[in-house]
């Protein structure tokens, strides 16, 4: 699969994913916080299935000469 998550988007996904998982593990929020696995995985792998379905791409445009 082609990467469709780039730069700031990737960093934000990883940070939000870790924050949700940590808050759940510490008992600060309910079990729904485990949904943080989704943004964490998409940030680490650089591919978002929802972006593919919607035709969104936040990766920088690569120019070919």
C-alpha atoms as a PDB file:
ATOM      1  CA  UNK A   1       0.000   0.000   0.000  1.00  0.00           C
ATOM      2  CA  UNK A   2       1.115   3.524  -0.745  1.00  0.00           C
ATOM      3  CA  UNK A   3       1.772   5.854   2.136  1.00  0.00           C
ATOM      4  CA  UNK A   4      -0.968   8.474   2.464  1.00  0.00           C
ATOM      5  CA  UNK A   5      -0.196   9.912   5.923  1.00  0.00           C
ATOM      6  CA  UNK A   6       2.621  12.402   6.121  1.00  0.00           C
ATOM      7  CA  UNK A   7       4.512  14.837   8.321  1.00  0.00           C
ATOM      8  CA  UNK A   8       2.504  16.563  11.015  1.00  0.00           C
ATOM      9  CA  UNK A   9      -0.444  14.218  10.508  1.00  0.00           C
ATOM     10  CA  UNK A  10       1.757  11.221  11.338  1.00  0.00           C
ATOM     11  CA  UNK A  11       3.195  12.848  14.465  1.00  0.00           C
ATOM     12  CA  UNK A  12      -0.240  13.914  15.744  1.00  0.00           C
ATOM     13  CA  UNK A  13      -1.653  10.424  15.214  1.00  0.00           C
ATOM     14  CA  UNK A  14       1.193   8.836  17.179  1.00  0.00           C
ATOM     15  CA  UNK A  15       0.933  11.347  20.051  1.00  0.00           C
ATOM     16  CA  UNK A  16      -2.876  11.066  20.311  1.00  0.00           C
ATOM     17  CA  UNK A  17      -2.710   7.267  20.123  1.00  0.00           C
ATOM     18  CA  UNK A  18      -0.126   7.018  22.884  1.00  0.00           C
ATOM     19  CA  UNK A  19      -2.029   9.535  25.043  1.00  0.00           C
ATOM     20  CA  UNK A  20      -5.303   7.605  24.745  1.00  0.00           C
ATOM     21  CA  UNK A  21      -3.657   4.260  25.485  1.00  0.00           C
ATOM     22  CA  UNK A  22      -1.745   5.695  28.463  1.00  0.00           C
ATOM     23  CA  UNK A  23      -4.855   7.365  29.903  1.00  0.00           C
ATOM     24  CA  UNK A  24      -6.762   4.094  29.613  1.00  0.00           C
ATOM     25  CA  UNK A  25      -3.949   2.052  31.163  1.00  0.00           C
ATOM     26  CA  UNK A  26      -3.776   4.500  34.086  1.00  0.00           C
ATOM     27  CA  UNK A  27      -7.528   4.313  34.637  1.00  0.00           C
ATOM     28  CA  UNK A  28      -8.149   7.962  33.779  1.00  0.00           C
ATOM     29  CA  UNK A  29     -10.668   7.113  31.053  1.00  0.00           C
ATOM     30  CA  UNK A  30     -12.793   4.086  30.254  1.00  0.00           C
ATOM     31  CA  UNK A  31     -12.065   1.141  28.005  1.00  0.00           C
ATOM     32  CA  UNK A  32     -13.033   3.185  24.921  1.00  0.00           C
ATOM     33  CA  UNK A  33      -9.557   4.719  25.145  1.00  0.00           C
ATOM     34  CA  UNK A  34      -8.090   1.574  23.614  1.00  0.00           C
ATOM     35  CA  UNK A  35      -9.307   3.016  20.310  1.00  0.00           C
ATOM     36  CA  UNK A  36      -5.979   4.877  20.509  1.00  0.00           C
ATOM     37  CA  UNK A  37      -4.439   1.789  18.916  1.00  0.00           C
ATOM     38  CA  UNK A  38      -5.966   2.873  15.583  1.00  0.00           C
ATOM     39  CA  UNK A  39      -4.308   6.311  15.249  1.00  0.00           C
ATOM     40  CA  UNK A  40      -1.082   4.876  16.667  1.00  0.00           C
ATOM     41  CA  UNK A  41      -0.977   2.113  14.041  1.00  0.00           C
ATOM     42  CA  UNK A  42      -1.893   4.404  11.151  1.00  0.00           C
ATOM     43  CA  UNK A  43       0.747   6.883  12.265  1.00  0.00           C
ATOM     44  CA  UNK A  44       3.462   4.241  12.574  1.00  0.00           C
ATOM     45  CA  UNK A  45       2.662   2.523   9.278  1.00  0.00           C
ATOM     46  CA  UNK A  46       1.885   5.737   7.393  1.00  0.00           C
ATOM     47  CA  UNK A  47      -1.250   4.299   5.788  1.00  0.00           C
ATOM     48  CA  UNK A  48      -4.837   5.224   6.674  1.00  0.00           C
ATOM     49  CA  UNK A  49      -7.571   3.060   5.117  1.00  0.00           C
ATOM     50  CA  UNK A  50     -10.155   5.829   5.591  1.00  0.00           C
ATOM     51  CA  UNK A  51      -7.920   8.261   3.673  1.00  0.00           C
ATOM     52  CA  UNK A  52      -7.675   5.710   0.849  1.00  0.00           C
ATOM     53  CA  UNK A  53     -11.457   5.402   0.648  1.00  0.00           C
ATOM     54  CA  UNK A  54     -11.923   9.177   0.660  1.00  0.00           C
ATOM     55  CA  UNK A  55      -9.037   9.939  -1.699  1.00  0.00           C
ATOM     56  CA  UNK A  56      -7.147  12.018   0.871  1.00  0.00           C
ATOM     57  CA  UNK A  57      -3.351  12.183   0.906  1.00  0.00           C
ATOM     58  CA  UNK A  58      -1.389  14.301   3.398  1.00  0.00           C
ATOM     59  CA  UNK A  59       2.019  13.238   2.130  1.00  0.00           C
ATOM     60  CA  UNK A  60       4.058  15.877   0.399  1.00  0.00           C
ATOM     61  CA  UNK A  61       3.828  16.013  -3.376  1.00  0.00           C
ATOM     62  CA  UNK A  62       6.902  14.501  -4.996  1.00  0.00           C
ATOM     63  CA  UNK A  63       8.025  16.161  -8.196  1.00  0.00           C
ATOM     64  CA  UNK A  64       9.554  14.013 -10.889  1.00  0.00           C
ATOM     65  CA  UNK A  65      11.977  15.558 -13.310  1.00  0.00           C
END
